[in-house]
PDB file of N, CA and C in Angstrom:
ATOM      1  N   UNK A   1     115.802  97.473 169.882  1.00  0.00           N
ATOM      2  CA  UNK A   1     116.109  97.087 168.539  1.00  0.00           C
ATOM      3  C   UNK A   1     116.700  95.577 168.419  1.00  0.00           C
ATOM      4  N   UNK A   2     116.093  94.911 167.618  1.00  0.00           N
ATOM      5  CA  UNK A   2     116.470  93.503 167.543  1.00  0.00           C
ATOM      6  C   UNK A   2     116.778  93.308 165.980  1.00  0.00           C
ATOM      7  N   UNK A   3     117.462  92.199 165.847  1.00  0.00           N
ATOM      8  CA  UNK A   3     117.826  91.691 164.340  1.00  0.00           C
ATOM      9  C   UNK A   3     117.093  90.059 164.280  1.00  0.00           C
ATOM     10  N   UNK A   4     116.327  89.835 163.362  1.00  0.00           N
ATOM     11  CA  UNK A   4     115.909  88.535 163.291  1.00  0.00           C
ATOM     12  C   UNK A   4     116.611  87.982 162.069  1.00  0.00           C
ATOM     13  N   UNK A   5     117.467  86.873 162.328  1.00  0.00           N
ATOM     14  CA  UNK A   5     118.350  86.260 161.262  1.00  0.00           C
ATOM     15  C   UNK A   5     117.695  84.916 160.842  1.00  0.00           C
ATOM     16  N   UNK A   6     117.541  84.925 159.547  1.00  0.00           N
ATOM     17  CA  UNK A   6     117.002  83.543 159.092  1.00  0.00           C
ATOM     18  C   UNK A   6     117.522  83.208 157.794  1.00  0.00           C
ATOM     19  N   UNK A   7     117.717  81.957 157.430  1.00  0.00           N
ATOM     20  CA  UNK A   7     118.268  81.604 156.080  1.00  0.00           C
ATOM     21  C   UNK A   7     117.242  80.779 155.410  1.00  0.00           C
ATOM     22  N   UNK A   8     117.229  81.121 154.059  1.00  0.00           N
ATOM     23  CA  UNK A   8     116.538  80.367 153.100  1.00  0.00           C
ATOM     24  C   UNK A   8     117.389  79.364 152.513  1.00  0.00           C
ATOM     25  N   UNK A   9     117.073  78.176 152.985  1.00  0.00           N
ATOM     26  CA  UNK A   9     118.176  76.897 152.719  1.00  0.00           C
ATOM     27  C   UNK A   9     117.999  76.724 151.195  1.00  0.00           C
ATOM     28  N   UNK A  10     116.976  76.901 150.634  1.00  0.00           N
ATOM     29  CA  UNK A  10     116.797  76.467 149.142  1.00  0.00           C
ATOM     30  C   UNK A  10     117.696  77.556 148.247  1.00  0.00           C
ATOM     31  N   UNK A  11     117.657  78.626 148.598  1.00  0.00           N
ATOM     32  CA  UNK A  11     118.555  79.794 147.783  1.00  0.00           C
ATOM     33  C   UNK A  11     119.731  80.183 148.457  1.00  0.00           C
ATOM     34  N   UNK A  12     119.984  79.552 149.783  1.00  0.00           N
ATOM     35  CA  UNK A  12     121.163  80.010 150.501  1.00  0.00           C
ATOM     36  C   UNK A  12     121.307  81.540 150.665  1.00  0.00           C
ATOM     37  N   UNK A  13     120.119  82.089 150.996  1.00  0.00           N
ATOM     38  CA  UNK A  13     120.032  83.648 151.126  1.00  0.00           C
ATOM     39  C   UNK A  13     119.965  83.812 152.730  1.00  0.00           C
ATOM     40  N   UNK A  14     120.610  84.742 153.317  1.00  0.00           N
ATOM     41  CA  UNK A  14     120.547  85.064 154.544  1.00  0.00           C
ATOM     42  C   UNK A  14     119.623  86.244 154.647  1.00  0.00           C
ATOM     43  N   UNK A  15     118.433  86.242 155.404  1.00  0.00           N
ATOM     44  CA  UNK A  15     117.525  87.335 155.570  1.00  0.00           C
ATOM     45  C   UNK A  15     117.600  87.892 156.842  1.00  0.00           C
ATOM     46  N   UNK A  16     117.897  89.170 157.039  1.00  0.00           N
ATOM     47  CA  UNK A  16     118.088  89.683 158.331  1.00  0.00           C
ATOM     48  C   UNK A  16     116.911  90.831 158.402  1.00  0.00           C
ATOM     49  N   UNK A  17     116.128  90.593 159.422  1.00  0.00           N
ATOM     50  CA  UNK A  17     114.919  91.574 159.684  1.00  0.00           C
ATOM     51  C   UNK A  17     115.447  92.516 160.621  1.00  0.00           C
ATOM     52  N   UNK A  18     115.316  93.810 160.345  1.00  0.00           N
ATOM     53  CA  UNK A  18     115.695  94.942 161.154  1.00  0.00           C
ATOM     54  C   UNK A  18     114.534  95.482 161.709  1.00  0.00           C
ATOM     55  N   UNK A  19     114.308  95.214 163.026  1.00  0.00           N
ATOM     56  CA  UNK A  19     113.139  95.692 163.639  1.00  0.00           C
ATOM     57  C   UNK A  19     113.309  97.008 164.566  1.00  0.00           C
ATOM     58  N   UNK A  20     112.504  98.017 164.327  1.00  0.00           N
ATOM     59  CA  UNK A  20     112.579  99.294 165.252  1.00  0.00           C
ATOM     60  C   UNK A  20     113.269 100.397 164.271  1.00  0.00           C
ATOM     61  N   UNK A  21     114.501 100.696 164.683  1.00  0.00           N
ATOM     62  CA  UNK A  21     115.302 101.745 164.007  1.00  0.00           C
ATOM     63  C   UNK A  21     116.755 101.112 163.817  1.00  0.00           C
ATOM     64  N   UNK A  22     117.310 101.627 162.776  1.00  0.00           N
ATOM     65  CA  UNK A  22     118.836 101.392 162.598  1.00  0.00           C
ATOM     66  C   UNK A  22     119.603 102.699 162.922  1.00  0.00           C
ATOM     67  N   UNK A  23     120.198 102.728 164.086  1.00  0.00           N
ATOM     68  CA  UNK A  23     120.885 103.931 164.521  1.00  0.00           C
ATOM     69  C   UNK A  23     122.279 103.654 164.949  1.00  0.00           C
ATOM     70  N   UNK A  24     122.903 104.773 165.419  1.00  0.00           N
ATOM     71  CA  UNK A  24     124.320 104.639 165.810  1.00  0.00           C
ATOM     72  C   UNK A  24     124.471 103.635 167.009  1.00  0.00           C
ATOM     73  N   UNK A  25     123.437 103.449 167.924  1.00  0.00           N
ATOM     74  CA  UNK A  25     123.480 102.600 168.984  1.00  0.00           C
ATOM     75  C   UNK A  25     123.608 101.024 168.557  1.00  0.00           C
ATOM     76  N   UNK A  26     122.950 100.549 167.407  1.00  0.00           N
ATOM     77  CA  UNK A  26     122.909  99.284 166.981  1.00  0.00           C
ATOM     78  C   UNK A  26     123.554  98.839 165.668  1.00  0.00           C
ATOM     79  N   UNK A  27     124.064  99.983 165.037  1.00  0.00           N
ATOM     80  CA  UNK A  27     124.470  99.619 163.722  1.00  0.00           C
ATOM     81  C   UNK A  27     125.795  98.567 163.640  1.00  0.00           C
ATOM     82  N   UNK A  28     126.441  98.510 164.851  1.00  0.00           N
ATOM     83  CA  UNK A  28     127.734  97.778 164.994  1.00  0.00           C
ATOM     84  C   UNK A  28     127.206  96.327 165.061  1.00  0.00           C
ATOM     85  N   UNK A  29     126.087  95.974 165.686  1.00  0.00           N
ATOM     86  CA  UNK A  29     125.562  94.799 165.872  1.00  0.00           C
ATOM     87  C   UNK A  29     125.150  94.116 164.689  1.00  0.00           C
ATOM     88  N   UNK A  30     124.589  95.003 163.786  1.00  0.00           N
ATOM     89  CA  UNK A  30     124.203  94.580 162.474  1.00  0.00           C
ATOM     90  C   UNK A  30     125.562  94.265 161.698  1.00  0.00           C
ATOM     91  N   UNK A  31     126.342  95.106 161.702  1.00  0.00           N
ATOM     92  CA  UNK A  31     127.720  95.037 160.839  1.00  0.00           C
ATOM     93  C   UNK A  31     128.325  93.853 161.349  1.00  0.00           C
ATOM     94  N   UNK A  32     128.400  93.390 162.646  1.00  0.00           N
ATOM     95  CA  UNK A  32     128.985  92.161 163.169  1.00  0.00           C
ATOM     96  C   UNK A  32     128.251  90.929 162.764  1.00  0.00           C
ATOM     97  N   UNK A  33     126.806  90.908 162.648  1.00  0.00           N
ATOM     98  CA  UNK A  33     126.187  89.900 162.099  1.00  0.00           C
ATOM     99  C   UNK A  33     126.570  89.589 160.832  1.00  0.00           C
ATOM    100  N   UNK A  34     126.530  90.580 159.814  1.00  0.00           N
ATOM    101  CA  UNK A  34     126.843  90.299 158.452  1.00  0.00           C
ATOM    102  C   UNK A  34     128.348  90.004 158.157  1.00  0.00           C
ATOM    103  N   UNK A  35     129.055  90.574 158.943  1.00  0.00           N
ATOM    104  CA  UNK A  35     130.691  90.229 158.795  1.00  0.00           C
ATOM    105  C   UNK A  35     130.968  88.919 159.186  1.00  0.00           C
ATOM    106  N   UNK A  36     130.319  88.342 160.251  1.00  0.00           N
ATOM    107  CA  UNK A  36     130.414  86.938 160.669  1.00  0.00           C
ATOM    108  C   UNK A  36     129.880  85.978 159.359  1.00  0.00           C
ATOM    109  N   UNK A  37     128.631  86.323 158.984  1.00  0.00           N
ATOM    110  CA  UNK A  37     128.023  85.550 157.954  1.00  0.00           C
ATOM    111  C   UNK A  37     128.971  85.492 156.681  1.00  0.00           C
ATOM    112  N   UNK A  38     129.528  86.684 156.294  1.00  0.00           N
ATOM    113  CA  UNK A  38     130.527  86.625 155.038  1.00  0.00           C
ATOM    114  C   UNK A  38     131.627  85.700 155.444  1.00  0.00           C
ATOM    115  N   UNK A  39     132.215  85.865 156.687  1.00  0.00           N
ATOM    116  CA  UNK A  39     133.307  84.960 156.990  1.00  0.00           C
ATOM    117  C   UNK A  39     133.047  83.591 156.958  1.00  0.00           C
ATOM    118  N   UNK A  40     131.672  83.171 157.400  1.00  0.00           N
ATOM    119  CA  UNK A  40     131.270  81.936 157.270  1.00  0.00           C
ATOM    120  C   UNK A  40     130.917  81.333 155.943  1.00  0.00           C
ATOM    121  N   UNK A  41     131.128  82.193 154.834  1.00  0.00           N
ATOM    122  CA  UNK A  41     130.937  81.780 153.421  1.00  0.00           C
ATOM    123  C   UNK A  41     129.596  82.221 152.859  1.00  0.00           C
ATOM    124  N   UNK A  42     128.780  82.938 153.585  1.00  0.00           N
ATOM    125  CA  UNK A  42     127.438  83.515 153.033  1.00  0.00           C
ATOM    126  C   UNK A  42     127.719  84.563 152.022  1.00  0.00           C
ATOM    127  N   UNK A  43     126.965  84.607 150.893  1.00  0.00           N
ATOM    128  CA  UNK A  43     127.321  85.614 149.891  1.00  0.00           C
ATOM    129  C   UNK A  43     126.014  86.400 149.449  1.00  0.00           C
ATOM    130  N   UNK A  44     124.814  85.825 149.881  1.00  0.00           N
ATOM    131  CA  UNK A  44     123.578  86.487 149.417  1.00  0.00           C
ATOM    132  C   UNK A  44     122.719  87.060 150.672  1.00  0.00           C
ATOM    133  N   UNK A  45     122.457  88.238 150.571  1.00  0.00           N
ATOM    134  CA  UNK A  45     121.923  88.917 151.878  1.00  0.00           C
ATOM    135  C   UNK A  45     120.709  89.693 151.501  1.00  0.00           C
ATOM    136  N   UNK A  46     119.758  89.671 152.255  1.00  0.00           N
ATOM    137  CA  UNK A  46     118.577  90.481 152.294  1.00  0.00           C
ATOM    138  C   UNK A  46     118.514  91.137 153.777  1.00  0.00           C
ATOM    139  N   UNK A  47     118.397  92.508 153.552  1.00  0.00           N
ATOM    140  CA  UNK A  47     118.049  93.293 154.849  1.00  0.00           C
ATOM    141  C   UNK A  47     116.616  93.600 154.726  1.00  0.00           C
ATOM    142  N   UNK A  48     115.716  93.136 155.574  1.00  0.00           N
ATOM    143  CA  UNK A  48     114.340  93.233 155.528  1.00  0.00           C
ATOM    144  C   UNK A  48     113.962  94.447 156.501  1.00  0.00           C
ATOM    145  N   UNK A  49     113.572  95.510 156.034  1.00  0.00           N
ATOM    146  CA  UNK A  49     113.128  96.818 156.587  1.00  0.00           C
ATOM    147  C   UNK A  49     111.577  96.888 156.780  1.00  0.00           C
ATOM    148  N   UNK A  50     110.848  95.734 156.774  1.00  0.00           N
ATOM    149  CA  UNK A  50     109.339  95.786 156.836  1.00  0.00           C
ATOM    150  C   UNK A  50     108.885  96.426 158.321  1.00  0.00           C
ATOM    151  N   UNK A  51     109.786  96.135 159.295  1.00  0.00           N
ATOM    152  CA  UNK A  51     109.514  96.505 160.639  1.00  0.00           C
ATOM    153  C   UNK A  51     110.317  97.701 161.194  1.00  0.00           C
ATOM    154  N   UNK A  52     110.855  98.332 160.262  1.00  0.00           N
ATOM    155  CA  UNK A  52     111.680  99.503 160.489  1.00  0.00           C
ATOM    156  C   UNK A  52     111.134 100.860 160.235  1.00  0.00           C
ATOM    157  N   UNK A  53     111.299 101.725 161.216  1.00  0.00           N
ATOM    158  CA  UNK A  53     110.621 103.138 160.973  1.00  0.00           C
ATOM    159  C   UNK A  53     111.580 104.165 160.611  1.00  0.00           C
ATOM    160  N   UNK A  54     112.992 103.936 160.950  1.00  0.00           N
ATOM    161  CA  UNK A  54     113.924 104.965 160.842  1.00  0.00           C
ATOM    162  C   UNK A  54     115.309 104.514 160.625  1.00  0.00           C
ATOM    163  N   UNK A  55     116.107 105.095 159.781  1.00  0.00           N
ATOM    164  CA  UNK A  55     117.526 104.926 159.596  1.00  0.00           C
ATOM    165  C   UNK A  55     118.170 106.179 159.888  1.00  0.00           C
ATOM    166  N   UNK A  56     119.075 106.331 160.876  1.00  0.00           N
ATOM    167  CA  UNK A  56     119.851 107.605 160.829  1.00  0.00           C
ATOM    168  C   UNK A  56     121.137 107.571 159.899  1.00  0.00           C
ATOM    169  N   UNK A  57     121.752 108.728 159.998  1.00  0.00           N
ATOM    170  CA  UNK A  57     123.075 108.804 159.036  1.00  0.00           C
ATOM    171  C   UNK A  57     124.050 107.655 159.309  1.00  0.00           C
ATOM    172  N   UNK A  58     124.236 107.431 160.585  1.00  0.00           N
ATOM    173  CA  UNK A  58     125.122 106.253 160.889  1.00  0.00           C
ATOM    174  C   UNK A  58     124.728 104.923 160.446  1.00  0.00           C
ATOM    175  N   UNK A  59     123.455 104.743 160.505  1.00  0.00           N
ATOM    176  CA  UNK A  59     122.960 103.454 160.006  1.00  0.00           C
ATOM    177  C   UNK A  59     122.829 103.316 158.453  1.00  0.00           C
ATOM    178  N   UNK A  60     122.810 104.461 157.775  1.00  0.00           N
ATOM    179  CA  UNK A  60     123.053 104.684 156.502  1.00  0.00           C
ATOM    180  C   UNK A  60     124.333 104.331 156.176  1.00  0.00           C
ATOM    181  N   UNK A  61     125.348 104.855 156.735  1.00  0.00           N
ATOM    182  CA  UNK A  61     126.734 104.572 156.537  1.00  0.00           C
ATOM    183  C   UNK A  61     127.081 103.262 156.684  1.00  0.00           C
ATOM    184  N   UNK A  62     126.522 102.674 157.698  1.00  0.00           N
ATOM    185  CA  UNK A  62     126.699 101.091 157.800  1.00  0.00           C
ATOM    186  C   UNK A  62     126.207 100.276 156.741  1.00  0.00           C
ATOM    187  N   UNK A  63     125.016 100.572 156.227  1.00  0.00           N
ATOM    188  CA  UNK A  63     124.507  99.887 154.988  1.00  0.00           C
ATOM    189  C   UNK A  63     125.449 100.065 153.889  1.00  0.00           C
ATOM    190  N   UNK A  64     126.080 101.215 153.609  1.00  0.00           N
ATOM    191  CA  UNK A  64     126.997 101.343 152.495  1.00  0.00           C
ATOM    192  C   UNK A  64     128.274 100.644 152.881  1.00  0.00           C
ATOM    193  N   UNK A  65     128.859 100.496 154.057  1.00  0.00           N
ATOM    194  CA  UNK A  65     130.009  99.682 154.328  1.00  0.00           C
ATOM    195  C   UNK A  65     129.658  98.184 154.232  1.00  0.00           C
ATOM    196  N   UNK A  66     128.491  97.801 154.681  1.00  0.00           N
ATOM    197  CA  UNK A  66     128.118  96.301 154.360  1.00  0.00           C
ATOM    198  C   UNK A  66     127.964  96.040 153.005  1.00  0.00           C
ATOM    199  N   UNK A  67     127.325  96.963 152.100  1.00  0.00           N
ATOM    200  CA  UNK A  67     127.126  96.700 150.624  1.00  0.00           C
ATOM    201  C   UNK A  67     128.615  96.505 150.062  1.00  0.00           C
ATOM    202  N   UNK A  68     129.481  97.303 150.519  1.00  0.00           N
ATOM    203  CA  UNK A  68     130.866  97.203 149.834  1.00  0.00           C
ATOM    204  C   UNK A  68     131.581  96.107 150.304  1.00  0.00           C
ATOM    205  N   UNK A  69     131.462  95.655 151.487  1.00  0.00           N
ATOM    206  CA  UNK A  69     132.111  94.476 152.113  1.00  0.00           C
ATOM    207  C   UNK A  69     131.695  93.132 151.545  1.00  0.00           C
ATOM    208  N   UNK A  70     130.195  93.077 151.363  1.00  0.00           N
ATOM    209  CA  UNK A  70     129.677  91.914 150.580  1.00  0.00           C
ATOM    210  C   UNK A  70     130.084  91.872 149.244  1.00  0.00           C
ATOM    211  N   UNK A  71     130.041  92.991 148.523  1.00  0.00           N
ATOM    212  CA  UNK A  71     130.488  93.057 147.161  1.00  0.00           C
ATOM    213  C   UNK A  71     131.955  92.622 146.973  1.00  0.00           C
ATOM    214  N   UNK A  72     132.846  93.091 147.852  1.00  0.00           N
ATOM    215  CA  UNK A  72     134.217  92.685 147.670  1.00  0.00           C
ATOM    216  C   UNK A  72     134.351  91.118 148.124  1.00  0.00           C
ATOM    217  N   UNK A  73     133.415  90.663 148.810  1.00  0.00           N
ATOM    218  CA  UNK A  73     133.566  89.135 148.941  1.00  0.00           C
ATOM    219  C   UNK A  73     133.000  88.340 147.878  1.00  0.00           C
ATOM    220  N   UNK A  74     132.412  89.072 146.804  1.00  0.00           N
ATOM    221  CA  UNK A  74     131.845  88.435 145.787  1.00  0.00           C
ATOM    222  C   UNK A  74     130.348  88.098 145.887  1.00  0.00           C
ATOM    223  N   UNK A  75     129.651  88.876 146.812  1.00  0.00           N
ATOM    224  CA  UNK A  75     128.367  88.516 147.132  1.00  0.00           C
ATOM    225  C   UNK A  75     127.512  89.812 146.855  1.00  0.00           C
ATOM    226  N   UNK A  76     126.388  89.715 147.272  1.00  0.00           N
ATOM    227  CA  UNK A  76     125.387  90.749 146.774  1.00  0.00           C
ATOM    228  C   UNK A  76     124.358  91.118 148.072  1.00  0.00           C
ATOM    229  N   UNK A  77     123.994  92.428 148.186  1.00  0.00           N
ATOM    230  CA  UNK A  77     123.074  92.860 149.269  1.00  0.00           C
ATOM    231  C   UNK A  77     121.915  93.346 148.687  1.00  0.00           C
ATOM    232  N   UNK A  78     120.691  92.961 149.076  1.00  0.00           N
ATOM    233  CA  UNK A  78     119.408  93.612 148.566  1.00  0.00           C
ATOM    234  C   UNK A  78     118.647  94.025 149.807  1.00  0.00           C
ATOM    235  N   UNK A  79     117.843  95.140 149.649  1.00  0.00           N
ATOM    236  CA  UNK A  79     116.996  95.579 150.505  1.00  0.00           C
ATOM    237  C   UNK A  79     115.607  95.373 150.322  1.00  0.00           C
ATOM    238  N   UNK A  80     114.729  95.160 151.321  1.00  0.00           N
ATOM    239  CA  UNK A  80     113.450  95.005 151.072  1.00  0.00           C
ATOM    240  C   UNK A  80     112.526  95.623 152.212  1.00  0.00           C
ATOM    241  N   UNK A  81     111.279  95.793 151.838  1.00  0.00           N
ATOM    242  CA  UNK A  81     110.318  96.297 152.753  1.00  0.00           C
ATOM    243  C   UNK A  81     110.496  97.776 153.272  1.00  0.00           C
ATOM    244  N   UNK A  82     110.977  98.463 152.530  1.00  0.00           N
ATOM    245  CA  UNK A  82     111.200  99.869 152.922  1.00  0.00           C
ATOM    246  C   UNK A  82     110.018 100.728 152.802  1.00  0.00           C
ATOM    247  N   UNK A  83     109.642 101.618 153.797  1.00  0.00           N
ATOM    248  CA  UNK A  83     108.547 102.217 153.757  1.00  0.00           C
ATOM    249  C   UNK A  83     108.700 103.564 152.961  1.00  0.00           C
ATOM    250  N   UNK A  84     107.685 104.367 152.867  1.00  0.00           N
ATOM    251  CA  UNK A  84     107.855 105.607 151.990  1.00  0.00           C
ATOM    252  C   UNK A  84     109.025 106.553 152.474  1.00  0.00           C
ATOM    253  N   UNK A  85     109.053 106.587 153.759  1.00  0.00           N
ATOM    254  CA  UNK A  85     110.122 107.720 154.260  1.00  0.00           C
ATOM    255  C   UNK A  85     111.343 107.010 154.066  1.00  0.00           C
ATOM    256  N   UNK A  86     111.697 105.739 154.152  1.00  0.00           N
ATOM    257  CA  UNK A  86     113.103 105.187 153.920  1.00  0.00           C
ATOM    258  C   UNK A  86     113.394 105.330 152.447  1.00  0.00           C
ATOM    259  N   UNK A  87     112.438 105.101 151.643  1.00  0.00           N
ATOM    260  CA  UNK A  87     112.535 105.158 150.053  1.00  0.00           C
ATOM    261  C   UNK A  87     112.940 106.591 149.729  1.00  0.00           C
ATOM    262  N   UNK A  88     112.364 107.415 150.440  1.00  0.00           N
ATOM    263  CA  UNK A  88     112.525 108.770 150.082  1.00  0.00           C
ATOM    264  C   UNK A  88     114.047 109.301 150.548  1.00  0.00           C
ATOM    265  N   UNK A  89     114.365 108.884 151.888  1.00  0.00           N
ATOM    266  CA  UNK A  89     115.599 109.045 152.173  1.00  0.00           C
ATOM    267  C   UNK A  89     116.729 108.499 151.331  1.00  0.00           C
ATOM    268  N   UNK A  90     116.588 107.398 150.793  1.00  0.00           N
ATOM    269  CA  UNK A  90     117.485 106.863 149.830  1.00  0.00           C
ATOM    270  C   UNK A  90     117.445 107.523 148.580  1.00  0.00           C
ATOM    271  N   UNK A  91     116.378 108.005 148.073  1.00  0.00           N
ATOM    272  CA  UNK A  91     116.371 109.001 146.852  1.00  0.00           C
ATOM    273  C   UNK A  91     116.945 110.349 147.204  1.00  0.00           C
ATOM    274  N   UNK A  92     116.888 110.953 148.236  1.00  0.00           N
ATOM    275  CA  UNK A  92     117.240 112.350 148.578  1.00  0.00           C
ATOM    276  C   UNK A  92     118.898 112.260 148.592  1.00  0.00           C
ATOM    277  N   UNK A  93     119.234 111.072 149.152  1.00  0.00           N
ATOM    278  CA  UNK A  93     120.798 110.959 149.290  1.00  0.00           C
ATOM    279  C   UNK A  93     121.374 110.355 148.075  1.00  0.00           C
ATOM    280  N   UNK A  94     120.649 110.139 146.946  1.00  0.00           N
ATOM    281  CA  UNK A  94     121.098 109.538 145.910  1.00  0.00           C
ATOM    282  C   UNK A  94     121.738 108.186 145.868  1.00  0.00           C
ATOM    283  N   UNK A  95     121.209 107.478 146.864  1.00  0.00           N
ATOM    284  CA  UNK A  95     121.744 106.065 147.034  1.00  0.00           C
ATOM    285  C   UNK A  95     120.704 104.806 146.606  1.00  0.00           C
ATOM    286  N   UNK A  96     119.532 105.292 145.959  1.00  0.00           N
ATOM    287  CA  UNK A  96     118.718 104.445 145.536  1.00  0.00           C
ATOM    288  C   UNK A  96     119.303 103.507 144.458  1.00  0.00           C
ATOM    289  N   UNK A  97     120.310 104.010 143.695  1.00  0.00           N
ATOM    290  CA  UNK A  97     120.923 103.183 142.836  1.00  0.00           C
ATOM    291  C   UNK A  97     121.959 102.435 143.037  1.00  0.00           C
ATOM    292  N   UNK A  98     122.506 102.632 144.431  1.00  0.00           N
ATOM    293  CA  UNK A  98     123.457 101.812 144.979  1.00  0.00           C
ATOM    294  C   UNK A  98     123.059 100.428 145.317  1.00  0.00           C
ATOM    295  N   UNK A  99     121.690 100.324 146.007  1.00  0.00           N
ATOM    296  CA  UNK A  99     121.222  99.087 146.388  1.00  0.00           C
ATOM    297  C   UNK A  99     120.204  98.611 145.585  1.00  0.00           C
ATOM    298  N   UNK A 100     120.040  97.201 145.413  1.00  0.00           N
ATOM    299  CA  UNK A 100     118.880  96.556 144.731  1.00  0.00           C
ATOM    300  C   UNK A 100     117.809  96.532 145.827  1.00  0.00           C
ATOM    301  N   UNK A 101     116.671  96.947 145.506  1.00  0.00           N
ATOM    302  CA  UNK A 101     115.666  97.348 146.267  1.00  0.00           C
ATOM    303  C   UNK A 101     114.346  96.637 145.922  1.00  0.00           C
ATOM    304  N   UNK A 102     113.675  95.878 146.775  1.00  0.00           N
ATOM    305  CA  UNK A 102     112.510  95.086 146.549  1.00  0.00           C
ATOM    306  C   UNK A 102     111.448  95.540 147.500  1.00  0.00           C
ATOM    307  N   UNK A 103     110.270  95.280 146.850  1.00  0.00           N
ATOM    308  CA  UNK A 103     108.989  95.802 147.813  1.00  0.00           C
ATOM    309  C   UNK A 103     108.960  94.858 149.115  1.00  0.00           C
ATOM    310  N   UNK A 104     108.956  93.427 148.854  1.00  0.00           N
ATOM    311  CA  UNK A 104     108.940  92.615 149.920  1.00  0.00           C
ATOM    312  C   UNK A 104     110.173  91.571 150.054  1.00  0.00           C
ATOM    313  N   UNK A 105     110.451  91.138 151.106  1.00  0.00           N
ATOM    314  CA  UNK A 105     111.728  90.259 151.203  1.00  0.00           C
ATOM    315  C   UNK A 105     111.717  88.995 150.364  1.00  0.00           C
ATOM    316  N   UNK A 106     110.467  88.473 150.027  1.00  0.00           N
ATOM    317  CA  UNK A 106     110.214  87.158 149.327  1.00  0.00           C
ATOM    318  C   UNK A 106     110.711  87.589 147.795  1.00  0.00           C
ATOM    319  N   UNK A 107     110.451  88.708 147.219  1.00  0.00           N
ATOM    320  CA  UNK A 107     110.879  89.144 145.998  1.00  0.00           C
ATOM    321  C   UNK A 107     112.440  89.212 145.984  1.00  0.00           C
ATOM    322  N   UNK A 108     113.012  89.824 147.097  1.00  0.00           N
ATOM    323  CA  UNK A 108     114.633  89.844 147.138  1.00  0.00           C
ATOM    324  C   UNK A 108     114.993  88.290 147.036  1.00  0.00           C
ATOM    325  N   UNK A 109     114.534  87.504 147.773  1.00  0.00           N
ATOM    326  CA  UNK A 109     115.157  86.080 147.778  1.00  0.00           C
ATOM    327  C   UNK A 109     114.865  85.440 146.491  1.00  0.00           C
ATOM    328  N   UNK A 110     113.860  85.791 145.912  1.00  0.00           N
ATOM    329  CA  UNK A 110     113.520  85.139 144.635  1.00  0.00           C
ATOM    330  C   UNK A 110     114.524  85.809 143.583  1.00  0.00           C
ATOM    331  N   UNK A 111     114.889  86.933 143.588  1.00  0.00           N
ATOM    332  CA  UNK A 111     115.927  87.586 142.788  1.00  0.00           C
ATOM    333  C   UNK A 111     117.086  86.828 142.743  1.00  0.00           C
ATOM    334  N   UNK A 112     117.556  86.243 143.778  1.00  0.00           N
ATOM    335  CA  UNK A 112     118.822  85.396 143.908  1.00  0.00           C
ATOM    336  C   UNK A 112     118.677  84.041 142.960  1.00  0.00           C
ATOM    337  N   UNK A 113     117.537  83.647 142.883  1.00  0.00           N
ATOM    338  CA  UNK A 113     117.379  82.184 142.162  1.00  0.00           C
ATOM    339  C   UNK A 113     117.623  82.425 140.725  1.00  0.00           C
TER     340      UNK A 113
END
């Protein structure tokens, strides 16, 4: 599991690509990446799940915690690139309304403009 962090300098959006799976074993690394970016002053975040096949319950809990932490700092988190299974999981857990979701990361970045 790796995370690809890139910044869109024009819109000042931090885009984090989640590759593989978001599980108990790597959720802490994602949380640390986002927490550090918030501490550095970033407020606009996109988590790109285009290359993600699975999120377990601890990964989902980490997403909720990140969304709250970003919101508390006056920022916003958007999710992008969710496959059908990940969208279904958010729907079944009644969390699709908690997150702003876009089909592709470019749409998420554009939504901040």
